[in-house]
Amino acid sequence: QVQLVESGGGSVRPGESLRLSCAVSGGVLSRNRFWLNVMAWYRQAPGKQRELIASAARDHATNYAESVKGRFTISRDTAKNTVYLQMNDLKFEDTAVYYCNANPPKDEFWGQGTRVTVSS
């Protein structure tokens, strides 16, 4: 069974950057099947529903929510079994818990997420 563990969150000021990582663990066959999926990052801000913000397909084609386009970059590294989210020019409204999962998401893959707080 595949497990996803997010890391890299923290407290930053507006305009700063963070890179989030999502480590994919599990047996070789499970991981290989998992990597067939479109990978994605989601976030849930306080009092709001979880939303899809970035996705990356096997051919590395990417899509972004308008709110993060031009500032965030998703990438997937199968050799390192990791999905990344580079976040630049962070804004107050980026404050949220960030999760990785497939797209569409699979219930069994939701992890604990990593918290990002943007404050002055």
C-alpha atoms as a PDB file:
ATOM      1  CA  GLN A   1       0.000   0.000   0.000  1.00  0.00           C
ATOM      2  CA  VAL A   2       1.291   3.456  -0.914  1.00  0.00           C
ATOM      3  CA  GLN A   3       1.700   6.153   1.725  1.00  0.00           C
ATOM      4  CA  LEU A   4       2.216   9.856   1.076  1.00  0.00           C
ATOM      5  CA  VAL A   5       4.067  12.046   3.554  1.00  0.00           C
ATOM      6  CA  GLU A   6       4.133  15.785   3.010  1.00  0.00           C
ATOM      7  CA  SER A   7       6.851  18.026   4.430  1.00  0.00           C
ATOM      8  CA  GLY A   8       8.467  21.417   3.981  1.00  0.00           C
ATOM      9  CA  GLY A   9       5.792  23.688   5.380  1.00  0.00           C
ATOM     10  CA  GLY A  10       6.484  26.528   7.767  1.00  0.00           C
ATOM     11  CA  SER A  11       5.888  30.143   8.656  1.00  0.00           C
ATOM     12  CA  VAL A  12       7.058  32.737   6.171  1.00  0.00           C
ATOM     13  CA  ARG A  13       6.527  36.399   5.317  1.00  0.00           C
ATOM     14  CA  PRO A  14       4.750  37.600   2.169  1.00  0.00           C
ATOM     15  CA  GLY A  15       7.013  37.397  -0.862  1.00  0.00           C
ATOM     16  CA  GLU A  16       9.115  34.540   0.493  1.00  0.00           C
ATOM     17  CA  SER A  17       9.392  31.017  -0.901  1.00  0.00           C
ATOM     18  CA  LEU A  18       8.978  27.447   0.284  1.00  0.00           C
ATOM     19  CA  ARG A  19       9.400  24.070  -1.358  1.00  0.00           C
ATOM     20  CA  LEU A  20       7.063  21.319  -0.291  1.00  0.00           C
ATOM     21  CA  SER A  21       7.889  17.653  -0.739  1.00  0.00           C
ATOM     22  CA  CYS A  22       5.634  14.618  -0.913  1.00  0.00           C
ATOM     23  CA  ALA A  23       7.435  11.348  -0.312  1.00  0.00           C
ATOM     24  CA  VAL A  24       5.830   8.281  -1.864  1.00  0.00           C
ATOM     25  CA  SER A  25       6.553   5.069   0.019  1.00  0.00           C
ATOM     26  CA  GLY A  26       5.392   1.499  -0.362  1.00  0.00           C
ATOM     27  CA  GLY A  27       6.234  -1.630  -2.272  1.00  0.00           C
ATOM     28  CA  VAL A  28       7.759  -1.358  -5.730  1.00  0.00           C
ATOM     29  CA  LEU A  29       4.679  -2.621  -7.564  1.00  0.00           C
ATOM     30  CA  SER A  30       2.368  -0.342  -5.585  1.00  0.00           C
ATOM     31  CA  ARG A  31       4.576   2.652  -6.221  1.00  0.00           C
ATOM     32  CA  ASN A  32       4.870   1.893  -9.926  1.00  0.00           C
ATOM     33  CA  ARG A  33       1.091   1.699 -10.211  1.00  0.00           C
ATOM     34  CA  PHE A  34       0.747   4.889  -8.202  1.00  0.00           C
ATOM     35  CA  TRP A  35       3.058   6.832 -10.517  1.00  0.00           C
ATOM     36  CA  LEU A  36       0.704   6.078 -13.424  1.00  0.00           C
ATOM     37  CA  ASN A  37      -1.643   8.635 -11.895  1.00  0.00           C
ATOM     38  CA  VAL A  38      -1.715  12.361 -12.449  1.00  0.00           C
ATOM     39  CA  MET A  39      -0.136  13.767  -9.293  1.00  0.00           C
ATOM     40  CA  ALA A  40      -1.468  16.846  -7.581  1.00  0.00           C
ATOM     41  CA  TRP A  41      -1.198  19.240  -4.708  1.00  0.00           C
ATOM     42  CA  TYR A  42      -4.263  20.383  -2.810  1.00  0.00           C
ATOM     43  CA  ARG A  43      -4.710  22.841   0.009  1.00  0.00           C
ATOM     44  CA  GLN A  44      -7.281  23.605   2.651  1.00  0.00           C
ATOM     45  CA  ALA A  45      -7.401  27.064   4.130  1.00  0.00           C
ATOM     46  CA  PRO A  46      -9.071  27.717   7.498  1.00  0.00           C
ATOM     47  CA  GLY A  47     -12.833  27.551   7.143  1.00  0.00           C
ATOM     48  CA  LYS A  48     -12.692  26.539   3.485  1.00  0.00           C
ATOM     49  CA  GLN A  49     -12.984  23.349   1.475  1.00  0.00           C
ATOM     50  CA  ARG A  50      -9.941  21.566   0.170  1.00  0.00           C
ATOM     51  CA  GLU A  51      -9.052  22.713  -3.341  1.00  0.00           C
ATOM     52  CA  LEU A  52      -6.879  21.439  -6.175  1.00  0.00           C
ATOM     53  CA  ILE A  53      -4.061  23.880  -6.930  1.00  0.00           C
ATOM     54  CA  ALA A  54      -1.573  22.058  -9.155  1.00  0.00           C
ATOM     55  CA  SER A  55      -1.305  18.807 -11.083  1.00  0.00           C
ATOM     56  CA  ALA A  56       1.376  17.041 -13.113  1.00  0.00           C
ATOM     57  CA  ALA A  57       0.812  14.178 -15.534  1.00  0.00           C
ATOM     58  CA  ARG A  58       3.224  11.365 -16.404  1.00  0.00           C
ATOM     59  CA  ASP A  59       4.441  13.359 -19.403  1.00  0.00           C
ATOM     60  CA  HIS A  60       5.085  16.247 -16.965  1.00  0.00           C
ATOM     61  CA  ALA A  61       2.292  18.362 -18.439  1.00  0.00           C
ATOM     62  CA  THR A  62       1.097  20.654 -15.668  1.00  0.00           C
ATOM     63  CA  ASN A  63      -2.003  22.594 -14.722  1.00  0.00           C
ATOM     64  CA  TYR A  64      -2.504  25.243 -12.070  1.00  0.00           C
ATOM     65  CA  ALA A  65      -5.326  27.042 -10.345  1.00  0.00           C
ATOM     66  CA  GLU A  66      -5.513  30.679 -11.326  1.00  0.00           C
ATOM     67  CA  SER A  67      -4.719  31.709  -7.767  1.00  0.00           C
ATOM     68  CA  VAL A  68      -1.228  30.147  -7.926  1.00  0.00           C
ATOM     69  CA  LYS A  69      -0.397  30.266 -11.628  1.00  0.00           C
ATOM     70  CA  GLY A  70       2.959  31.899 -12.261  1.00  0.00           C
ATOM     71  CA  ARG A  71       4.031  31.537  -8.628  1.00  0.00           C
ATOM     72  CA  PHE A  72       3.883  27.796  -7.914  1.00  0.00           C
ATOM     73  CA  THR A  73       5.587  24.961  -9.799  1.00  0.00           C
ATOM     74  CA  ILE A  74       4.769  21.281  -9.413  1.00  0.00           C
ATOM     75  CA  SER A  75       7.241  18.595 -10.397  1.00  0.00           C
ATOM     76  CA  ARG A  76       7.465  14.839 -10.033  1.00  0.00           C
ATOM     77  CA  ASP A  77      10.656  12.828  -9.621  1.00  0.00           C
ATOM     78  CA  THR A  78       9.975   9.119  -9.879  1.00  0.00           C
ATOM     79  CA  ALA A  79      13.633   8.262  -9.221  1.00  0.00           C
ATOM     80  CA  LYS A  80      13.356   9.949  -5.844  1.00  0.00           C
ATOM     81  CA  ASN A  81       9.732   8.884  -5.310  1.00  0.00           C
ATOM     82  CA  THR A  82       8.866  12.474  -4.553  1.00  0.00           C
ATOM     83  CA  VAL A  83       6.471  15.139  -5.776  1.00  0.00           C
ATOM     84  CA  TYR A  84       7.481  18.741  -5.199  1.00  0.00           C
ATOM     85  CA  LEU A  85       5.697  22.056  -5.023  1.00  0.00           C
ATOM     86  CA  GLN A  86       7.910  25.115  -5.350  1.00  0.00           C
ATOM     87  CA  MET A  87       6.029  28.120  -4.003  1.00  0.00           C
ATOM     88  CA  ASN A  88       7.344  31.593  -4.728  1.00  0.00           C
ATOM     89  CA  ASP A  89       6.024  35.050  -3.875  1.00  0.00           C
ATOM     90  CA  LEU A  90       3.819  33.665  -1.139  1.00  0.00           C
ATOM     91  CA  LYS A  91       0.765  35.684  -0.147  1.00  0.00           C
ATOM     92  CA  PHE A  92      -1.391  35.832   2.965  1.00  0.00           C
ATOM     93  CA  GLU A  93      -4.089  33.889   1.133  1.00  0.00           C
ATOM     94  CA  ASP A  94      -1.714  30.961   0.585  1.00  0.00           C
ATOM     95  CA  THR A  95      -2.010  30.123   4.276  1.00  0.00           C
ATOM     96  CA  ALA A  96      -3.374  26.571   4.404  1.00  0.00           C
ATOM     97  CA  VAL A  97      -2.579  22.934   5.022  1.00  0.00           C
ATOM     98  CA  TYR A  98      -1.123  21.448   1.850  1.00  0.00           C
ATOM     99  CA  TYR A  99      -1.656  17.850   0.747  1.00  0.00           C
ATOM    100  CA  CYS A 100      -0.529  15.722  -2.143  1.00  0.00           C
ATOM    101  CA  ASN A 101      -2.591  13.002  -3.781  1.00  0.00           C
ATOM    102  CA  ALA A 102      -3.502  11.682  -7.174  1.00  0.00           C
ATOM    103  CA  ASN A 103      -5.880  13.591  -9.427  1.00  0.00           C
ATOM    104  CA  PRO A 104      -8.650  12.620  -9.060  1.00  0.00           C
ATOM    105  CA  PRO A 105      -7.804  12.054  -5.401  1.00  0.00           C
ATOM    106  CA  LYS A 106      -8.038   8.665  -3.751  1.00  0.00           C
ATOM    107  CA  ASP A 107      -9.338   8.553  -0.191  1.00  0.00           C
ATOM    108  CA  GLU A 108      -6.726   6.089   1.016  1.00  0.00           C
ATOM    109  CA  PHE A 109      -3.862   8.405   0.028  1.00  0.00           C
ATOM    110  CA  TRP A 110      -4.716  11.483   2.077  1.00  0.00           C
ATOM    111  CA  GLY A 111      -1.899  12.163   4.522  1.00  0.00           C
ATOM    112  CA  GLN A 112      -1.523  14.611   7.388  1.00  0.00           C
ATOM    113  CA  GLY A 113      -0.489  17.452   5.143  1.00  0.00           C
ATOM    114  CA  THR A 114       2.025  20.173   5.854  1.00  0.00           C
ATOM    115  CA  ARG A 115       1.030  23.584   7.188  1.00  0.00           C
ATOM    116  CA  VAL A 116       2.033  26.815   5.491  1.00  0.00           C
ATOM    117  CA  THR A 117       1.470  30.092   7.296  1.00  0.00           C
ATOM    118  CA  VAL A 118       2.105  33.406   5.595  1.00  0.00           C
ATOM    119  CA  SER A 119       2.109  36.334   7.979  1.00  0.00           C
ATOM    120  CA  SER A 120       3.898  39.579   8.565  1.00  0.00           C
END
